[in-house]
């Protein structure tokens, strides 16, 4: 079967930015491509800005945060391309593995603490969580980036308690609100990118 030829320069530039090759357009992407939708330009600009033009995140931090979103959203094509880009940007195998670990742990915590929050019952609130979280003690990524990943994934997964807890930890440790804002915006844009590429 021949590869699909995408006759949209902006969309091809977006794929080039992400180093995605042999992309077979999803139904959602085809819907945009078939009408030459103006949103393709917005998406390309937004993705480029959060990955390449952040005032508060290093390129490596931005790529690892984006990688955590791709892992969280279970999108292999973008997960693989972002892992490669992060490696080119200096990320080690141990750091990539810790992003996967942190994302997995946040999925555990997000479900558990959303339940506690929704129920708001004394019995559940007073039970020890009993969830092993040793990777949070001395993260390879450093405490700030680990917390930023935790915050971004928790924001995507909709855990209010987790979001507030990680934001407070970051602020308490000296991270600026501008950096937190940019990290969450990055997560939102990569989530939106996946909605188009994977759907």
Protein backbone atom coordinates (compact mmCIF):
# COMPACT_ATOMS: atom_id res chain seq x y z
CA UNK A 1 0.00 0.00 0.00
CA UNK A 2 1.46 3.36 -1.05
CA UNK A 3 2.19 5.99 1.57
CA UNK A 4 -0.39 8.74 1.81
CA UNK A 5 0.83 11.95 0.20
CA UNK A 6 -0.10 15.00 2.24
CA UNK A 7 -0.44 18.06 0.04
CA UNK A 8 -0.39 20.65 2.77
CA UNK A 9 2.90 22.44 3.36
CA UNK A 10 2.02 23.66 6.86
CA UNK A 11 0.97 20.20 8.01
CA UNK A 12 4.12 18.69 6.51
CA UNK A 13 6.17 21.34 8.34
CA UNK A 14 4.43 20.34 11.57
CA UNK A 15 5.33 16.69 10.98
CA UNK A 16 8.88 17.76 10.12
CA UNK A 17 9.15 19.78 13.32
CA UNK A 18 8.22 16.65 15.26
CA UNK A 19 10.35 14.38 13.02
CA UNK A 20 7.36 12.16 12.33
CA UNK A 21 7.84 10.07 9.19
CA UNK A 22 5.46 7.83 7.25
CA UNK A 23 2.42 9.36 8.92
CA UNK A 24 -0.89 7.92 7.82
CA UNK A 25 -3.43 10.68 8.51
CA UNK A 26 -6.06 9.96 11.10
CA UNK A 27 -9.72 10.64 10.26
CA UNK A 28 -9.49 13.85 12.29
CA UNK A 29 -6.37 14.98 10.40
CA UNK A 30 -8.01 14.11 7.07
CA UNK A 31 -11.03 16.21 7.99
CA UNK A 32 -8.72 19.21 8.38
CA UNK A 33 -6.55 18.40 5.37
CA UNK A 34 -9.48 17.84 3.02
CA UNK A 35 -10.73 21.36 3.68
CA UNK A 36 -7.30 22.99 4.08
CA UNK A 37 -8.54 24.09 7.48
CA UNK A 38 -7.05 27.28 8.92
CA UNK A 39 -6.59 25.48 12.24
CA UNK A 40 -3.62 23.55 10.81
CA UNK A 41 -1.63 26.79 10.81
CA UNK A 42 -2.67 27.59 14.39
CA UNK A 43 -1.69 24.09 15.52
CA UNK A 44 1.71 24.28 13.86
CA UNK A 45 2.44 27.70 15.39
CA UNK A 46 1.26 26.63 18.84
CA UNK A 47 3.33 23.44 18.84
CA UNK A 48 6.41 25.24 17.54
CA UNK A 49 6.06 27.98 20.15
CA UNK A 50 5.78 25.67 23.16
CA UNK A 51 8.61 23.38 22.05
CA UNK A 52 11.03 25.97 20.68
CA UNK A 53 10.23 29.43 21.99
CA UNK A 54 9.57 29.10 25.70
CA UNK A 55 10.81 31.95 27.88
CA UNK A 56 10.89 29.81 31.03
CA UNK A 57 11.44 26.18 29.96
CA UNK A 58 14.63 24.83 28.44
CA UNK A 59 14.28 22.92 25.18
CA UNK A 60 15.03 19.67 27.00
CA UNK A 61 12.41 20.40 29.67
CA UNK A 62 9.83 21.23 27.01
CA UNK A 63 10.52 18.01 25.09
CA UNK A 64 10.37 15.85 28.22
CA UNK A 65 7.10 17.48 29.28
CA UNK A 66 5.69 16.87 25.79
CA UNK A 67 6.94 13.28 25.98
CA UNK A 68 5.04 12.79 29.24
CA UNK A 69 1.82 13.88 27.52
CA UNK A 70 2.38 11.46 24.62
CA UNK A 71 3.02 8.66 27.14
CA UNK A 72 -0.06 9.62 29.14
CA UNK A 73 -2.25 9.72 26.02
CA UNK A 74 -0.85 6.39 24.75
CA UNK A 75 0.12 7.69 21.32
CA UNK A 76 3.14 5.64 20.17
CA UNK A 77 4.02 7.63 17.05
CA UNK A 78 4.42 10.92 18.92
CA UNK A 79 5.88 9.19 21.97
CA UNK A 80 8.67 7.73 19.83
CA UNK A 81 9.40 10.96 17.94
CA UNK A 82 9.50 13.04 21.14
CA UNK A 83 11.75 10.49 22.86
CA UNK A 84 14.16 10.77 19.93
CA UNK A 85 14.03 14.58 19.98
CA UNK A 86 14.56 14.66 23.74
CA UNK A 87 17.55 12.31 23.38
CA UNK A 88 19.00 14.62 20.73
CA UNK A 89 18.46 17.45 23.21
CA UNK A 90 20.50 15.74 25.91
CA UNK A 91 17.97 13.54 27.72
CA UNK A 92 19.37 10.25 29.00
CA UNK A 93 17.70 6.84 28.91
CA UNK A 94 17.30 7.09 32.69
CA UNK A 95 15.49 10.42 32.33
CA UNK A 96 13.16 9.06 29.65
CA UNK A 97 12.44 6.05 31.85
CA UNK A 98 11.67 8.33 34.76
CA UNK A 99 9.21 10.34 32.64
CA UNK A 100 7.37 7.06 31.96
CA UNK A 101 7.53 6.19 35.66
CA UNK A 102 6.28 9.62 36.76
CA UNK A 103 3.45 9.51 34.23
CA UNK A 104 2.41 6.05 35.39
CA UNK A 105 2.55 7.09 39.04
CA UNK A 106 0.42 10.16 38.32
CA UNK A 107 -2.19 7.93 36.67
CA UNK A 108 -2.30 5.91 39.89
CA UNK A 109 -2.50 9.01 42.09
CA UNK A 110 -4.94 10.85 39.86
CA UNK A 111 -7.50 8.04 40.04
CA UNK A 112 -6.96 7.49 43.77
CA UNK A 113 -7.08 11.13 44.84
CA UNK A 114 -9.96 12.00 42.51
CA UNK A 115 -11.91 9.24 44.27
CA UNK A 116 -11.05 10.68 47.68
CA UNK A 117 -11.99 14.17 46.51
CA UNK A 118 -15.27 13.07 44.92
CA UNK A 119 -16.34 11.03 47.94
CA UNK A 120 -15.05 13.36 50.67
CA UNK A 121 -15.80 10.76 53.33
CA UNK A 122 -13.91 10.60 56.60
CA UNK A 123 -13.25 6.87 56.28
CA UNK A 124 -11.54 7.12 52.87
CA UNK A 125 -9.70 10.33 53.75
CA UNK A 126 -8.23 8.81 56.91
CA UNK A 127 -7.01 5.55 55.36
CA UNK A 128 -3.26 5.43 54.58
CA UNK A 129 -2.82 5.56 50.81
CA UNK A 130 -0.32 2.68 50.86
CA UNK A 131 0.98 3.65 47.41
CA UNK A 132 4.75 3.25 46.98
CA UNK A 133 6.20 6.50 45.60
CA UNK A 134 9.95 6.24 46.23
CA UNK A 135 10.86 7.76 42.84
CA UNK A 136 9.56 11.11 44.13
CA UNK A 137 12.25 11.22 46.82
CA UNK A 138 15.35 11.65 44.66
CA UNK A 139 14.29 11.94 41.01
CA UNK A 140 16.85 11.62 38.23
CA UNK A 141 15.05 14.49 36.46
CA UNK A 142 15.49 16.77 39.45
CA UNK A 143 12.67 17.75 41.77
CA UNK A 144 11.40 20.70 39.74
CA UNK A 145 10.98 18.88 36.42
CA UNK A 146 9.51 15.83 38.17
CA UNK A 147 6.94 18.09 39.83
CA UNK A 148 6.21 19.90 36.55
CA UNK A 149 5.54 16.57 34.83
CA UNK A 150 3.36 15.54 37.75
CA UNK A 151 1.43 18.80 37.50
CA UNK A 152 0.95 18.63 33.73
CA UNK A 153 -0.20 15.01 33.73
CA UNK A 154 -2.51 15.66 36.69
CA UNK A 155 -3.98 18.66 34.85
CA UNK A 156 -4.69 16.54 31.78
CA UNK A 157 -6.20 13.78 33.91
CA UNK A 158 -8.36 16.23 35.84
CA UNK A 159 -7.26 15.60 39.44
CA UNK A 160 -7.92 18.82 41.33
CA UNK A 161 -6.23 17.70 44.54
CA UNK A 162 -3.13 16.59 42.64
CA UNK A 163 -2.94 19.79 40.60
CA UNK A 164 -3.18 21.98 43.69
CA UNK A 165 -0.67 19.86 45.60
CA UNK A 166 1.98 19.88 42.84
CA UNK A 167 1.50 23.58 42.10
CA UNK A 168 1.92 24.40 45.79
CA UNK A 169 5.08 22.25 45.98
CA UNK A 170 6.56 23.98 42.95
CA UNK A 171 5.78 27.46 44.30
CA UNK A 172 7.15 26.48 47.71
CA UNK A 173 10.40 25.33 46.13
CA UNK A 174 10.80 28.58 44.20
CA UNK A 175 9.43 27.79 40.73
CA UNK A 176 7.88 30.86 39.13
CA UNK A 177 4.22 31.01 38.20
CA UNK A 178 5.35 31.90 34.67
CA UNK A 179 7.20 28.60 34.35
CA UNK A 180 4.23 26.65 35.75
CA UNK A 181 1.89 28.46 33.36
CA UNK A 182 4.08 27.63 30.35
CA UNK A 183 4.36 23.98 31.37
CA UNK A 184 0.60 23.55 31.65
CA UNK A 185 0.04 25.42 28.37
CA UNK A 186 2.54 23.08 26.70
CA UNK A 187 0.64 20.07 28.04
CA UNK A 188 -2.65 21.46 26.76
CA UNK A 189 -1.26 22.09 23.27
CA UNK A 190 0.36 18.66 22.96
CA UNK A 191 -2.93 17.11 24.12
CA UNK A 192 -4.67 19.09 21.36
CA UNK A 193 -2.06 17.94 18.83
CA UNK A 194 -2.75 14.32 19.74
CA UNK A 195 -6.48 14.91 19.26
CA UNK A 196 -5.75 15.67 15.61
CA UNK A 197 -2.93 13.22 14.87
CA UNK A 198 -4.23 10.14 16.68
CA UNK A 199 -8.02 10.36 16.42
